[in-house]
Amino acid sequence: LILDSRTITDKVKVQSISEILASSRRNY
């Protein structure tokens, strides 16, 4: 995953992406 950001990562976005990944992994 490449975030459209500079070197400071938006932790809220990373958490949201993590939740999306976890949801997809629960489904499959």
PDB file of all heavy atoms in Angstrom:
ATOM      1  N   LEU A   1       0.862  -1.174   0.000  1.00  0.00           N
ATOM      2  CA  LEU A   1       0.000   0.000   0.000  1.00  0.00           C
ATOM      3  C   LEU A   1       0.900   1.226   0.000  1.00  0.00           C
ATOM      4  O   LEU A   1       1.829   1.312   0.808  1.00  0.00           O
ATOM      5  CB  LEU A   1      -0.892   0.008   1.244  1.00  0.00           C
ATOM      6  CG  LEU A   1      -1.844  -1.173   1.339  1.00  0.00           C
ATOM      7  CD1 LEU A   1      -2.028  -1.585   2.777  1.00  0.00           C
ATOM      8  CD2 LEU A   1      -3.155  -0.800   0.712  1.00  0.00           C
ATOM      9  N   ILE A   2       0.624   2.141  -0.906  1.00  0.00           N
ATOM     10  CA  ILE A   2       1.368   3.397  -0.941  1.00  0.00           C
ATOM     11  C   ILE A   2       0.392   4.514  -0.591  1.00  0.00           C
ATOM     12  O   ILE A   2      -0.592   4.740  -1.306  1.00  0.00           O
ATOM     13  CB  ILE A   2       2.006   3.652  -2.319  1.00  0.00           C
ATOM     14  CG1 ILE A   2       2.929   2.500  -2.700  1.00  0.00           C
ATOM     15  CG2 ILE A   2       2.754   4.989  -2.309  1.00  0.00           C
ATOM     16  CD1 ILE A   2       3.486   2.594  -4.108  1.00  0.00           C
ATOM     17  N   LEU A   3       0.674   5.183   0.523  1.00  0.00           N
ATOM     18  CA  LEU A   3      -0.169   6.297   0.948  1.00  0.00           C
ATOM     19  C   LEU A   3       0.225   7.545   0.182  1.00  0.00           C
ATOM     20  O   LEU A   3       1.417   7.804  -0.034  1.00  0.00           O
ATOM     21  CB  LEU A   3      -0.016   6.544   2.446  1.00  0.00           C
ATOM     22  CG  LEU A   3      -0.335   5.366   3.359  1.00  0.00           C
ATOM     23  CD1 LEU A   3      -0.155   5.783   4.809  1.00  0.00           C
ATOM     24  CD2 LEU A   3      -1.737   4.868   3.123  1.00  0.00           C
ATOM     25  N   ASP A   4      -0.756   8.315  -0.220  1.00  0.00           N
ATOM     26  CA  ASP A   4      -0.501   9.561  -0.942  1.00  0.00           C
ATOM     27  C   ASP A   4      -0.181  10.653   0.075  1.00  0.00           C
ATOM     28  O   ASP A   4      -0.986  11.536   0.346  1.00  0.00           O
ATOM     29  CB  ASP A   4      -1.713   9.941  -1.793  1.00  0.00           C
ATOM     30  CG  ASP A   4      -1.421  11.103  -2.722  1.00  0.00           C
ATOM     31  OD1 ASP A   4      -0.238  11.338  -3.023  1.00  0.00           O
ATOM     32  OD2 ASP A   4      -2.378  11.782  -3.135  1.00  0.00           O
ATOM     33  N   SER A   5       0.998  10.531   0.659  1.00  0.00           N
ATOM     34  CA  SER A   5       1.388  11.477   1.698  1.00  0.00           C
ATOM     35  C   SER A   5       2.895  11.614   1.720  1.00  0.00           C
ATOM     36  O   SER A   5       3.624  10.869   1.090  1.00  0.00           O
ATOM     37  CB  SER A   5       0.896  11.002   3.064  1.00  0.00           C
ATOM     38  OG  SER A   5       1.522   9.788   3.420  1.00  0.00           O
ATOM     39  N   ARG A   6       3.339  12.544   2.505  1.00  0.00           N
ATOM     40  CA  ARG A   6       4.765  12.705   2.747  1.00  0.00           C
ATOM     41  C   ARG A   6       5.169  11.715   3.838  1.00  0.00           C
ATOM     42  O   ARG A   6       4.445  10.792   4.140  1.00  0.00           O
ATOM     43  CB  ARG A   6       5.051  14.143   3.142  1.00  0.00           C
ATOM     44  CG  ARG A   6       4.752  15.100   1.998  1.00  0.00           C
ATOM     45  CD  ARG A   6       5.852  16.105   1.906  1.00  0.00           C
ATOM     46  NE  ARG A   6       5.684  16.984   0.778  1.00  0.00           N
ATOM     47  CZ  ARG A   6       6.477  16.949  -0.271  1.00  0.00           C
ATOM     48  NH1 ARG A   6       7.437  16.071  -0.359  1.00  0.00           N
ATOM     49  NH2 ARG A   6       6.311  17.803  -1.248  1.00  0.00           N
ATOM     50  N   THR A   7       6.289  11.932   4.446  1.00  0.00           N
ATOM     51  CA  THR A   7       6.828  10.958   5.390  1.00  0.00           C
ATOM     52  C   THR A   7       6.075  10.884   6.710  1.00  0.00           C
ATOM     53  O   THR A   7       6.279   9.953   7.472  1.00  0.00           O
ATOM     54  CB  THR A   7       8.313  11.250   5.673  1.00  0.00           C
ATOM     55  OG1 THR A   7       8.438  12.602   6.133  1.00  0.00           O
ATOM     56  CG2 THR A   7       9.148  11.057   4.430  1.00  0.00           C
ATOM     57  N   ILE A   8       5.214  11.837   6.985  1.00  0.00           N
ATOM     58  CA  ILE A   8       4.398  11.770   8.197  1.00  0.00           C
ATOM     59  C   ILE A   8       3.105  11.044   7.844  1.00  0.00           C
ATOM     60  O   ILE A   8       2.329  11.493   7.005  1.00  0.00           O
ATOM     61  CB  ILE A   8       4.108  13.170   8.769  1.00  0.00           C
ATOM     62  CG1 ILE A   8       5.425  13.839   9.173  1.00  0.00           C
ATOM     63  CG2 ILE A   8       3.139  13.073   9.940  1.00  0.00           C
ATOM     64  CD1 ILE A   8       5.293  15.266   9.610  1.00  0.00           C
ATOM     65  N   THR A   9       2.889   9.920   8.478  1.00  0.00           N
ATOM     66  CA  THR A   9       1.755   9.065   8.159  1.00  0.00           C
ATOM     67  C   THR A   9       0.564   9.400   9.042  1.00  0.00           C
ATOM     68  O   THR A   9       0.694   9.537  10.251  1.00  0.00           O
ATOM     69  CB  THR A   9       2.149   7.582   8.358  1.00  0.00           C
ATOM     70  OG1 THR A   9       3.289   7.311   7.538  1.00  0.00           O
ATOM     71  CG2 THR A   9       1.026   6.658   7.981  1.00  0.00           C
ATOM     72  N   ASP A  10      -0.587   9.517   8.416  1.00  0.00           N
ATOM     73  CA  ASP A  10      -1.840   9.776   9.125  1.00  0.00           C
ATOM     74  C   ASP A  10      -2.262   8.488   9.848  1.00  0.00           C
ATOM     75  O   ASP A  10      -2.693   7.527   9.220  1.00  0.00           O
ATOM     76  CB  ASP A  10      -2.899  10.209   8.118  1.00  0.00           C
ATOM     77  CG  ASP A  10      -4.250  10.501   8.727  1.00  0.00           C
ATOM     78  OD1 ASP A  10      -4.466  10.202   9.921  1.00  0.00           O
ATOM     79  OD2 ASP A  10      -5.108  11.029   8.005  1.00  0.00           O
ATOM     80  N   LYS A  11      -2.128   8.491  11.165  1.00  0.00           N
ATOM     81  CA  LYS A  11      -2.420   7.282  11.946  1.00  0.00           C
ATOM     82  C   LYS A  11      -3.884   6.866  11.846  1.00  0.00           C
ATOM     83  O   LYS A  11      -4.192   5.679  11.862  1.00  0.00           O
ATOM     84  CB  LYS A  11      -2.024   7.489  13.403  1.00  0.00           C
ATOM     85  CG  LYS A  11      -0.530   7.570  13.582  1.00  0.00           C
ATOM     86  CD  LYS A  11      -0.159   7.778  15.024  1.00  0.00           C
ATOM     87  CE  LYS A  11       1.351   7.935  15.129  1.00  0.00           C
ATOM     88  NZ  LYS A  11       1.787   8.131  16.490  1.00  0.00           N
ATOM     89  N   VAL A  12      -4.779   7.828  11.735  1.00  0.00           N
ATOM     90  CA  VAL A  12      -6.203   7.509  11.597  1.00  0.00           C
ATOM     91  C   VAL A  12      -6.444   6.762  10.283  1.00  0.00           C
ATOM     92  O   VAL A  12      -7.202   5.791  10.240  1.00  0.00           O
ATOM     93  CB  VAL A  12      -7.063   8.794  11.684  1.00  0.00           C
ATOM     94  CG1 VAL A  12      -8.516   8.500  11.376  1.00  0.00           C
ATOM     95  CG2 VAL A  12      -6.924   9.436  13.060  1.00  0.00           C
ATOM     96  N   LYS A  13      -5.770   7.200   9.221  1.00  0.00           N
ATOM     97  CA  LYS A  13      -5.906   6.521   7.927  1.00  0.00           C
ATOM     98  C   LYS A  13      -5.341   5.101   8.002  1.00  0.00           C
ATOM     99  O   LYS A  13      -5.955   4.154   7.503  1.00  0.00           O
ATOM    100  CB  LYS A  13      -5.193   7.309   6.830  1.00  0.00           C
ATOM    101  CG  LYS A  13      -5.303   6.653   5.463  1.00  0.00           C
ATOM    102  CD  LYS A  13      -4.639   7.464   4.389  1.00  0.00           C
ATOM    103  CE  LYS A  13      -5.658   8.439   3.874  1.00  0.00           C
ATOM    104  NZ  LYS A  13      -5.246   9.096   2.629  1.00  0.00           N
ATOM    105  N   VAL A  14      -4.198   4.953   8.621  1.00  0.00           N
ATOM    106  CA  VAL A  14      -3.595   3.626   8.748  1.00  0.00           C
ATOM    107  C   VAL A  14      -4.508   2.699   9.550  1.00  0.00           C
ATOM    108  O   VAL A  14      -4.704   1.540   9.183  1.00  0.00           O
ATOM    109  CB  VAL A  14      -2.190   3.712   9.375  1.00  0.00           C
ATOM    110  CG1 VAL A  14      -1.640   2.322   9.666  1.00  0.00           C
ATOM    111  CG2 VAL A  14      -1.242   4.469   8.463  1.00  0.00           C
ATOM    112  N   GLN A  15      -5.096   3.209  10.614  1.00  0.00           N
ATOM    113  CA  GLN A  15      -6.034   2.408  11.411  1.00  0.00           C
ATOM    114  C   GLN A  15      -7.245   1.998  10.578  1.00  0.00           C
ATOM    115  O   GLN A  15      -7.681   0.855  10.623  1.00  0.00           O
ATOM    116  CB  GLN A  15      -6.485   3.180  12.656  1.00  0.00           C
ATOM    117  CG  GLN A  15      -7.460   2.420  13.521  1.00  0.00           C
ATOM    118  CD  GLN A  15      -6.877   1.166  14.130  1.00  0.00           C
ATOM    119  OE1 GLN A  15      -5.716   1.148  14.506  1.00  0.00           O
ATOM    120  NE2 GLN A  15      -7.671   0.132  14.235  1.00  0.00           N
ATOM    121  N   SER A  16      -7.765   2.914   9.796  1.00  0.00           N
ATOM    122  CA  SER A  16      -8.908   2.614   8.937  1.00  0.00           C
ATOM    123  C   SER A  16      -8.555   1.548   7.902  1.00  0.00           C
ATOM    124  O   SER A  16      -9.329   0.606   7.672  1.00  0.00           O
ATOM    125  CB  SER A  16      -9.385   3.889   8.242  1.00  0.00           C
ATOM    126  OG  SER A  16     -10.404   3.609   7.319  1.00  0.00           O
ATOM    127  N   ILE A  17      -7.393   1.670   7.281  1.00  0.00           N
ATOM    128  CA  ILE A  17      -6.952   0.668   6.305  1.00  0.00           C
ATOM    129  C   ILE A  17      -6.779  -0.685   6.986  1.00  0.00           C
ATOM    130  O   ILE A  17      -7.157  -1.724   6.439  1.00  0.00           O
ATOM    131  CB  ILE A  17      -5.641   1.117   5.619  1.00  0.00           C
ATOM    132  CG1 ILE A  17      -5.901   2.351   4.756  1.00  0.00           C
ATOM    133  CG2 ILE A  17      -5.040  -0.017   4.786  1.00  0.00           C
ATOM    134  CD1 ILE A  17      -4.641   3.040   4.274  1.00  0.00           C
ATOM    135  N   SER A  18      -6.256  -0.671   8.189  1.00  0.00           N
ATOM    136  CA  SER A  18      -6.097  -1.906   8.960  1.00  0.00           C
ATOM    137  C   SER A  18      -7.445  -2.570   9.222  1.00  0.00           C
ATOM    138  O   SER A  18      -7.581  -3.793   9.124  1.00  0.00           O
ATOM    139  CB  SER A  18      -5.384  -1.597  10.271  1.00  0.00           C
ATOM    140  OG  SER A  18      -5.305  -2.731  11.082  1.00  0.00           O
ATOM    141  N   GLU A  19      -8.440  -1.766   9.539  1.00  0.00           N
ATOM    142  CA  GLU A  19      -9.787  -2.308   9.784  1.00  0.00           C
ATOM    143  C   GLU A  19     -10.399  -2.868   8.502  1.00  0.00           C
ATOM    144  O   GLU A  19     -11.084  -3.899   8.535  1.00  0.00           O
ATOM    145  CB  GLU A  19     -10.665  -1.231  10.394  1.00  0.00           C
ATOM    146  CG  GLU A  19     -10.249  -0.884  11.814  1.00  0.00           C
ATOM    147  CD  GLU A  19     -10.886   0.392  12.349  1.00  0.00           C
ATOM    148  OE1 GLU A  19     -11.692   1.032  11.630  1.00  0.00           O
ATOM    149  OE2 GLU A  19     -10.563   0.758  13.497  1.00  0.00           O
ATOM    150  N   ILE A  20     -10.152  -2.210   7.377  1.00  0.00           N
ATOM    151  CA  ILE A  20     -10.638  -2.721   6.088  1.00  0.00           C
ATOM    152  C   ILE A  20      -9.973  -4.061   5.778  1.00  0.00           C
ATOM    153  O   ILE A  20     -10.632  -5.016   5.359  1.00  0.00           O
ATOM    154  CB  ILE A  20     -10.379  -1.687   4.966  1.00  0.00           C
ATOM    155  CG1 ILE A  20     -11.255  -0.459   5.166  1.00  0.00           C
ATOM    156  CG2 ILE A  20     -10.613  -2.317   3.587  1.00  0.00           C
ATOM    157  CD1 ILE A  20     -10.879   0.724   4.298  1.00  0.00           C
ATOM    158  N   LEU A  21      -8.675  -4.139   6.005  1.00  0.00           N
ATOM    159  CA  LEU A  21      -7.947  -5.392   5.782  1.00  0.00           C
ATOM    160  C   LEU A  21      -8.483  -6.494   6.694  1.00  0.00           C
ATOM    161  O   LEU A  21      -8.728  -7.620   6.244  1.00  0.00           O
ATOM    162  CB  LEU A  21      -6.454  -5.189   6.008  1.00  0.00           C
ATOM    163  CG  LEU A  21      -5.570  -6.424   5.896  1.00  0.00           C
ATOM    164  CD1 LEU A  21      -5.684  -7.061   4.515  1.00  0.00           C
ATOM    165  CD2 LEU A  21      -4.128  -6.067   6.204  1.00  0.00           C
ATOM    166  N   ALA A  22      -8.684  -6.175   7.955  1.00  0.00           N
ATOM    167  CA  ALA A  22      -9.204  -7.175   8.905  1.00  0.00           C
ATOM    168  C   ALA A  22     -10.593  -7.662   8.486  1.00  0.00           C
ATOM    169  O   ALA A  22     -10.882  -8.859   8.571  1.00  0.00           O
ATOM    170  CB  ALA A  22      -9.239  -6.586  10.308  1.00  0.00           C
ATOM    171  N   SER A  23     -11.420  -6.749   8.012  1.00  0.00           N
ATOM    172  CA  SER A  23     -12.761  -7.128   7.563  1.00  0.00           C
ATOM    173  C   SER A  23     -12.696  -8.071   6.363  1.00  0.00           C
ATOM    174  O   SER A  23     -13.390  -9.089   6.322  1.00  0.00           O
ATOM    175  CB  SER A  23     -13.555  -5.873   7.200  1.00  0.00           C
ATOM    176  OG  SER A  23     -14.792  -6.207   6.634  1.00  0.00           O
ATOM    177  N   SER A  24     -11.852  -7.735   5.404  1.00  0.00           N
ATOM    178  CA  SER A  24     -11.711  -8.601   4.226  1.00  0.00           C
ATOM    179  C   SER A  24     -11.145  -9.963   4.614  1.00  0.00           C
ATOM    180  O   SER A  24     -11.548 -10.987   4.070  1.00  0.00           O
ATOM    181  CB  SER A  24     -10.798  -7.936   3.190  1.00  0.00           C
ATOM    182  OG  SER A  24     -11.407  -6.776   2.680  1.00  0.00           O
ATOM    183  N   ARG A  25     -10.236  -9.979   5.569  1.00  0.00           N
ATOM    184  CA  ARG A  25      -9.666 -11.256   6.013  1.00  0.00           C
ATOM    185  C   ARG A  25     -10.687 -12.085   6.771  1.00  0.00           C
ATOM    186  O   ARG A  25     -10.646 -13.310   6.720  1.00  0.00           O
ATOM    187  CB  ARG A  25      -8.421 -11.025   6.864  1.00  0.00           C
ATOM    188  CG  ARG A  25      -7.296 -10.452   5.993  1.00  0.00           C
ATOM    189  CD  ARG A  25      -5.914 -10.814   6.388  1.00  0.00           C
ATOM    190  NE  ARG A  25      -5.717 -12.223   6.563  1.00  0.00           N
ATOM    191  CZ  ARG A  25      -5.023 -12.727   7.584  1.00  0.00           C
ATOM    192  NH1 ARG A  25      -4.497 -11.952   8.492  1.00  0.00           N
ATOM    193  NH2 ARG A  25      -4.841 -14.015   7.671  1.00  0.00           N
ATOM    194  N   ARG A  26     -11.600 -11.433   7.483  1.00  0.00           N
ATOM    195  CA  ARG A  26     -12.671 -12.191   8.154  1.00  0.00           C
ATOM    196  C   ARG A  26     -13.588 -12.837   7.122  1.00  0.00           C
ATOM    197  O   ARG A  26     -14.059 -13.963   7.302  1.00  0.00           O
ATOM    198  CB  ARG A  26     -13.487 -11.286   9.075  1.00  0.00           C
ATOM    199  CG  ARG A  26     -12.892 -11.085  10.440  1.00  0.00           C
ATOM    200  CD  ARG A  26     -13.861 -10.414  11.410  1.00  0.00           C
ATOM    201  NE  ARG A  26     -14.271  -9.092  10.975  1.00  0.00           N
ATOM    202  CZ  ARG A  26     -13.593  -7.966  11.191  1.00  0.00           C
ATOM    203  NH1 ARG A  26     -12.430  -8.006  11.815  1.00  0.00           N
ATOM    204  NH2 ARG A  26     -14.056  -6.808  10.769  1.00  0.00           N
ATOM    205  N   ASN A  27     -13.865 -12.114   6.042  1.00  0.00           N
ATOM    206  CA  ASN A  27     -14.739 -12.641   4.992  1.00  0.00           C
ATOM    207  C   ASN A  27     -14.074 -13.766   4.209  1.00  0.00           C
ATOM    208  O   ASN A  27     -14.739 -14.716   3.793  1.00  0.00           O
ATOM    209  CB  ASN A  27     -15.151 -11.520   4.037  1.00  0.00           C
ATOM    210  CG  ASN A  27     -16.019 -10.476   4.703  1.00  0.00           C
ATOM    211  OD1 ASN A  27     -16.690 -10.743   5.691  1.00  0.00           O
ATOM    212  ND2 ASN A  27     -15.995  -9.264   4.165  1.00  0.00           N
ATOM    213  N   TYR A  28     -12.786 -13.638   3.973  1.00  0.00           N
ATOM    214  CA  TYR A  28     -12.021 -14.619   3.195  1.00  0.00           C
ATOM    215  C   TYR A  28     -10.711 -14.815   3.925  1.00  0.00           C
ATOM    216  O   TYR A  28      -9.819 -13.974   3.853  1.00  0.00           O
ATOM    217  CB  TYR A  28     -11.756 -14.096   1.770  1.00  0.00           C
ATOM    218  CG  TYR A  28     -13.016 -13.667   1.079  1.00  0.00           C
ATOM    219  CD1 TYR A  28     -13.390 -12.324   1.056  1.00  0.00           C
ATOM    220  CD2 TYR A  28     -13.850 -14.592   0.474  1.00  0.00           C
ATOM    221  CE1 TYR A  28     -14.565 -11.922   0.439  1.00  0.00           C
ATOM    222  CE2 TYR A  28     -15.020 -14.204  -0.139  1.00  0.00           C
ATOM    223  CZ  TYR A  28     -15.374 -12.857  -0.152  1.00  0.00           C
ATOM    224  OH  TYR A  28     -16.533 -12.460  -0.757  1.00  0.00           O
TER     225      TYR A  28
END
